[in-house]
Amino acid sequence: MDIKQLKFLIALDETRHFGQAAARCNITQPTLSMRLRNLEEELGLPLVNRGQRFEGFT
């Protein structure tokens, strides 16, 4: 886990939208999703409920 991944989680919490969170972090939406999935794999648990859109945190 690194500080950037935590910043990505905070941005997602504040915006409730993957695209807006990515823009706030100056990265692309696919990169944000990939980094959050990597964090979930590293921790061994899901952090984000995913559907067609952001559905909240677990």
PDB file of N, CA and C in Angstrom:
ATOM      1  N   MET A   1       0.848  -1.165   0.000  1.00  0.00           N
ATOM      2  CA  MET A   1       0.000   0.000   0.000  1.00  0.00           C
ATOM      3  C   MET A   1       0.900   1.237   0.000  1.00  0.00           C
ATOM      4  N   ASP A   2       0.502   2.222  -0.798  1.00  0.00           N
ATOM      5  CA  ASP A   2       1.251   3.472  -0.779  1.00  0.00           C
ATOM      6  C   ASP A   2       0.290   4.648  -0.617  1.00  0.00           C
ATOM      7  N   ILE A   3       0.843   5.804  -0.381  1.00  0.00           N
ATOM      8  CA  ILE A   3       0.038   6.990  -0.088  1.00  0.00           C
ATOM      9  C   ILE A   3      -0.859   7.366  -1.267  1.00  0.00           C
ATOM     10  N   LYS A   4      -0.395   7.116  -2.492  1.00  0.00           N
ATOM     11  CA  LYS A   4      -1.217   7.447  -3.661  1.00  0.00           C
ATOM     12  C   LYS A   4      -2.504   6.630  -3.671  1.00  0.00           C
ATOM     13  N   GLN A   5      -2.410   5.362  -3.325  1.00  0.00           N
ATOM     14  CA  GLN A   5      -3.611   4.529  -3.300  1.00  0.00           C
ATOM     15  C   GLN A   5      -4.612   5.055  -2.280  1.00  0.00           C
ATOM     16  N   LEU A   6      -4.133   5.532  -1.156  1.00  0.00           N
ATOM     17  CA  LEU A   6      -5.030   6.114  -0.155  1.00  0.00           C
ATOM     18  C   LEU A   6      -5.659   7.401  -0.674  1.00  0.00           C
ATOM     19  N   LYS A   7      -4.885   8.204  -1.398  1.00  0.00           N
ATOM     20  CA  LYS A   7      -5.428   9.429  -1.994  1.00  0.00           C
ATOM     21  C   LYS A   7      -6.497   9.091  -3.026  1.00  0.00           C
ATOM     22  N   PHE A   8      -6.293   8.003  -3.772  1.00  0.00           N
ATOM     23  CA  PHE A   8      -7.294   7.585  -4.752  1.00  0.00           C
ATOM     24  C   PHE A   8      -8.589   7.194  -4.050  1.00  0.00           C
ATOM     25  N   LEU A   9      -8.481   6.473  -2.945  1.00  0.00           N
ATOM     26  CA  LEU A   9      -9.672   6.089  -2.177  1.00  0.00           C
ATOM     27  C   LEU A   9     -10.402   7.312  -1.631  1.00  0.00           C
ATOM     28  N   ILE A  10      -9.659   8.278  -1.133  1.00  0.00           N
ATOM     29  CA  ILE A  10     -10.275   9.497  -0.606  1.00  0.00           C
ATOM     30  C   ILE A  10     -10.986  10.257  -1.716  1.00  0.00           C
ATOM     31  N   ALA A  11     -10.350  10.377  -2.877  1.00  0.00           N
ATOM     32  CA  ALA A  11     -10.972  11.073  -4.006  1.00  0.00           C
ATOM     33  C   ALA A  11     -12.251  10.362  -4.432  1.00  0.00           C
ATOM     34  N   LEU A  12     -12.235   9.043  -4.445  1.00  0.00           N
ATOM     35  CA  LEU A  12     -13.427   8.282  -4.811  1.00  0.00           C
ATOM     36  C   LEU A  12     -14.530   8.486  -3.780  1.00  0.00           C
ATOM     37  N   ASP A  13     -14.175   8.521  -2.524  1.00  0.00           N
ATOM     38  CA  ASP A  13     -15.158   8.760  -1.469  1.00  0.00           C
ATOM     39  C   ASP A  13     -15.778  10.147  -1.607  1.00  0.00           C
ATOM     40  N   GLU A  14     -14.970  11.134  -1.906  1.00  0.00           N
ATOM     41  CA  GLU A  14     -15.465  12.509  -1.995  1.00  0.00           C
ATOM     42  C   GLU A  14     -16.296  12.757  -3.242  1.00  0.00           C
ATOM     43  N   THR A  15     -15.933  12.126  -4.357  1.00  0.00           N
ATOM     44  CA  THR A  15     -16.651  12.378  -5.609  1.00  0.00           C
ATOM     45  C   THR A  15     -17.754  11.369  -5.886  1.00  0.00           C
ATOM     46  N   ARG A  16     -17.603  10.155  -5.329  1.00  0.00           N
ATOM     47  CA  ARG A  16     -18.553   9.053  -5.563  1.00  0.00           C
ATOM     48  C   ARG A  16     -18.641   8.692  -7.051  1.00  0.00           C
ATOM     49  N   HIS A  17     -17.548   8.940  -7.791  1.00  0.00           N
ATOM     50  CA  HIS A  17     -17.542   8.717  -9.239  1.00  0.00           C
ATOM     51  C   HIS A  17     -16.109   8.411  -9.684  1.00  0.00           C
ATOM     52  N   PHE A  18     -15.925   7.275 -10.348  1.00  0.00           N
ATOM     53  CA  PHE A  18     -14.581   6.870 -10.763  1.00  0.00           C
ATOM     54  C   PHE A  18     -13.927   7.895 -11.686  1.00  0.00           C
ATOM     55  N   GLY A  19     -14.665   8.370 -12.681  1.00  0.00           N
ATOM     56  CA  GLY A  19     -14.100   9.327 -13.635  1.00  0.00           C
ATOM     57  C   GLY A  19     -13.693  10.635 -12.985  1.00  0.00           C
ATOM     58  N   GLN A  20     -14.545  11.145 -12.107  1.00  0.00           N
ATOM     59  CA  GLN A  20     -14.233  12.404 -11.426  1.00  0.00           C
ATOM     60  C   GLN A  20     -13.077  12.228 -10.446  1.00  0.00           C
ATOM     61  N   ALA A  21     -13.045  11.098  -9.770  1.00  0.00           N
ATOM     62  CA  ALA A  21     -11.937  10.824  -8.847  1.00  0.00           C
ATOM     63  C   ALA A  21     -10.622  10.737  -9.617  1.00  0.00           C
ATOM     64  N   ALA A  22     -10.653  10.089 -10.762  1.00  0.00           N
ATOM     65  CA  ALA A  22      -9.446   9.975 -11.580  1.00  0.00           C
ATOM     66  C   ALA A  22      -8.979  11.349 -12.049  1.00  0.00           C
ATOM     67  N   ALA A  23      -9.918  12.172 -12.509  1.00  0.00           N
ATOM     68  CA  ALA A  23      -9.559  13.516 -12.964  1.00  0.00           C
ATOM     69  C   ALA A  23      -8.947  14.325 -11.826  1.00  0.00           C
ATOM     70  N   ARG A  24      -9.509  14.206 -10.643  1.00  0.00           N
ATOM     71  CA  ARG A  24      -8.988  14.924  -9.480  1.00  0.00           C
ATOM     72  C   ARG A  24      -7.554  14.483  -9.172  1.00  0.00           C
ATOM     73  N   CYS A  25      -7.252  13.215  -9.418  1.00  0.00           N
ATOM     74  CA  CYS A  25      -5.917  12.674  -9.137  1.00  0.00           C
ATOM     75  C   CYS A  25      -4.976  12.785 -10.333  1.00  0.00           C
ATOM     76  N   ASN A  26      -5.467  13.388 -11.422  1.00  0.00           N
ATOM     77  CA  ASN A  26      -4.667  13.567 -12.638  1.00  0.00           C
ATOM     78  C   ASN A  26      -4.197  12.247 -13.237  1.00  0.00           C
ATOM     79  N   ILE A  27      -5.096  11.254 -13.232  1.00  0.00           N
ATOM     80  CA  ILE A  27      -4.829   9.969 -13.867  1.00  0.00           C
ATOM     81  C   ILE A  27      -6.063   9.588 -14.674  1.00  0.00           C
ATOM     82  N   THR A  28      -5.952   8.536 -15.477  1.00  0.00           N
ATOM     83  CA  THR A  28      -7.109   8.078 -16.239  1.00  0.00           C
ATOM     84  C   THR A  28      -7.981   7.180 -15.371  1.00  0.00           C
ATOM     85  N   GLN A  29      -9.237   7.036 -15.758  1.00  0.00           N
ATOM     86  CA  GLN A  29     -10.160   6.188 -15.006  1.00  0.00           C
ATOM     87  C   GLN A  29      -9.698   4.731 -14.986  1.00  0.00           C
ATOM     88  N   PRO A  30      -9.229   4.171 -16.122  1.00  0.00           N
ATOM     89  CA  PRO A  30      -8.739   2.786 -16.052  1.00  0.00           C
ATOM     90  C   PRO A  30      -7.552   2.617 -15.094  1.00  0.00           C
ATOM     91  N   THR A  31      -6.691   3.616 -15.021  1.00  0.00           N
ATOM     92  CA  THR A  31      -5.562   3.546 -14.093  1.00  0.00           C
ATOM     93  C   THR A  31      -6.049   3.562 -12.653  1.00  0.00           C
ATOM     94  N   LEU A  32      -7.023   4.416 -12.358  1.00  0.00           N
ATOM     95  CA  LEU A  32      -7.593   4.461 -11.008  1.00  0.00           C
ATOM     96  C   LEU A  32      -8.181   3.108 -10.637  1.00  0.00           C
ATOM     97  N   SER A  33      -8.969   2.541 -11.528  1.00  0.00           N
ATOM     98  CA  SER A  33      -9.583   1.238 -11.264  1.00  0.00           C
ATOM     99  C   SER A  33      -8.530   0.164 -11.028  1.00  0.00           C
ATOM    100  N   MET A  34      -7.490   0.167 -11.862  1.00  0.00           N
ATOM    101  CA  MET A  34      -6.429  -0.828 -11.730  1.00  0.00           C
ATOM    102  C   MET A  34      -5.698  -0.678 -10.396  1.00  0.00           C
ATOM    103  N   ARG A  35      -5.374   0.548 -10.023  1.00  0.00           N
ATOM    104  CA  ARG A  35      -4.653   0.770  -8.758  1.00  0.00           C
ATOM    105  C   ARG A  35      -5.497   0.358  -7.556  1.00  0.00           C
ATOM    106  N   LEU A  36      -6.815   0.616  -7.615  1.00  0.00           N
ATOM    107  CA  LEU A  36      -7.682   0.213  -6.509  1.00  0.00           C
ATOM    108  C   LEU A  36      -7.836  -1.307  -6.459  1.00  0.00           C
ATOM    109  N   ARG A  37      -7.916  -1.952  -7.626  1.00  0.00           N
ATOM    110  CA  ARG A  37      -7.968  -3.422  -7.647  1.00  0.00           C
ATOM    111  C   ARG A  37      -6.677  -4.018  -7.081  1.00  0.00           C
ATOM    112  N   ASN A  38      -5.554  -3.413  -7.431  1.00  0.00           N
ATOM    113  CA  ASN A  38      -4.270  -3.877  -6.886  1.00  0.00           C
ATOM    114  C   ASN A  38      -4.250  -3.758  -5.366  1.00  0.00           C
ATOM    115  N   LEU A  39      -4.792  -2.662  -4.848  1.00  0.00           N
ATOM    116  CA  LEU A  39      -4.852  -2.481  -3.399  1.00  0.00           C
ATOM    117  C   LEU A  39      -5.747  -3.540  -2.767  1.00  0.00           C
ATOM    118  N   GLU A  40      -6.883  -3.816  -3.394  1.00  0.00           N
ATOM    119  CA  GLU A  40      -7.782  -4.850  -2.881  1.00  0.00           C
ATOM    120  C   GLU A  40      -7.088  -6.210  -2.855  1.00  0.00           C
ATOM    121  N   GLU A  41      -6.345  -6.528  -3.914  1.00  0.00           N
ATOM    122  CA  GLU A  41      -5.621  -7.801  -3.962  1.00  0.00           C
ATOM    123  C   GLU A  41      -4.533  -7.851  -2.887  1.00  0.00           C
ATOM    124  N   GLU A  42      -3.850  -6.735  -2.701  1.00  0.00           N
ATOM    125  CA  GLU A  42      -2.791  -6.674  -1.694  1.00  0.00           C
ATOM    126  C   GLU A  42      -3.355  -6.890  -0.287  1.00  0.00           C
ATOM    127  N   LEU A  43      -4.520  -6.307  -0.024  1.00  0.00           N
ATOM    128  CA  LEU A  43      -5.141  -6.436   1.294  1.00  0.00           C
ATOM    129  C   LEU A  43      -5.931  -7.731   1.447  1.00  0.00           C
ATOM    130  N   GLY A  44      -6.286  -8.340   0.309  1.00  0.00           N
ATOM    131  CA  GLY A  44      -7.031  -9.589   0.343  1.00  0.00           C
ATOM    132  C   GLY A  44      -8.505  -9.425   0.656  1.00  0.00           C
ATOM    133  N   LEU A  45      -9.048  -8.239   0.369  1.00  0.00           N
ATOM    134  CA  LEU A  45     -10.473  -8.011   0.599  1.00  0.00           C
ATOM    135  C   LEU A  45     -10.983  -6.904  -0.318  1.00  0.00           C
ATOM    136  N   PRO A  46     -12.269  -6.980  -0.663  1.00  0.00           N
ATOM    137  CA  PRO A  46     -12.828  -5.939  -1.523  1.00  0.00           C
ATOM    138  C   PRO A  46     -13.028  -4.645  -0.742  1.00  0.00           C
ATOM    139  N   LEU A  47     -12.736  -3.527  -1.381  1.00  0.00           N
ATOM    140  CA  LEU A  47     -12.935  -2.220  -0.761  1.00  0.00           C
ATOM    141  C   LEU A  47     -14.085  -1.460  -1.405  1.00  0.00           C
ATOM    142  N   VAL A  48     -14.344  -1.765  -2.675  1.00  0.00           N
ATOM    143  CA  VAL A  48     -15.317  -1.008  -3.451  1.00  0.00           C
ATOM    144  C   VAL A  48     -16.367  -1.948  -4.010  1.00  0.00           C
ATOM    145  N   ASN A  49     -17.635  -1.586  -3.832  1.00  0.00           N
ATOM    146  CA  ASN A  49     -18.723  -2.310  -4.486  1.00  0.00           C
ATOM    147  C   ASN A  49     -18.839  -1.770  -5.900  1.00  0.00           C
ATOM    148  N   ARG A  50     -18.718  -2.660  -6.861  1.00  0.00           N
ATOM    149  CA  ARG A  50     -18.760  -2.233  -8.258  1.00  0.00           C
ATOM    150  C   ARG A  50     -20.002  -2.775  -8.938  1.00  0.00           C
ATOM    151  N   GLY A  51     -20.533  -1.983  -9.833  1.00  0.00           N
ATOM    152  CA  GLY A  51     -21.634  -2.369 -10.698  1.00  0.00           C
ATOM    153  C   GLY A  51     -21.427  -1.595 -11.985  1.00  0.00           C
ATOM    154  N   GLN A  52     -22.504  -1.129 -12.587  1.00  0.00           N
ATOM    155  CA  GLN A  52     -22.377  -0.258 -13.752  1.00  0.00           C
ATOM    156  C   GLN A  52     -21.724   1.062 -13.351  1.00  0.00           C
ATOM    157  N   ARG A  53     -21.905   1.437 -12.104  1.00  0.00           N
ATOM    158  CA  ARG A  53     -21.308   2.654 -11.570  1.00  0.00           C
ATOM    159  C   ARG A  53     -20.850   2.382 -10.144  1.00  0.00           C
ATOM    160  N   PHE A  54     -20.211   3.359  -9.557  1.00  0.00           N
ATOM    161  CA  PHE A  54     -19.737   3.219  -8.179  1.00  0.00           C
ATOM    162  C   PHE A  54     -20.931   3.029  -7.256  1.00  0.00           C
ATOM    163  N   GLU A  55     -20.880   1.983  -6.437  1.00  0.00           N
ATOM    164  CA  GLU A  55     -22.001   1.671  -5.552  1.00  0.00           C
ATOM    165  C   GLU A  55     -21.661   1.854  -4.081  1.00  0.00           C
ATOM    166  N   GLY A  56     -20.449   2.253  -3.772  1.00  0.00           N
ATOM    167  CA  GLY A  56     -20.068   2.482  -2.384  1.00  0.00           C
ATOM    168  C   GLY A  56     -18.926   1.582  -1.961  1.00  0.00           C
ATOM    169  N   PHE A  57     -18.535   1.760  -0.728  1.00  0.00           N
ATOM    170  CA  PHE A  57     -17.459   0.965  -0.163  1.00  0.00           C
ATOM    171  C   PHE A  57     -18.041  -0.216   0.594  1.00  0.00           C
ATOM    172  N   THR A  58     -17.242  -1.266   0.725  1.00  0.00           N
ATOM    173  CA  THR A  58     -17.702  -2.445   1.461  1.00  0.00           C
ATOM    174  C   THR A  58     -17.573  -2.217   2.943  1.00  0.00           C
TER     175      THR A  58
END
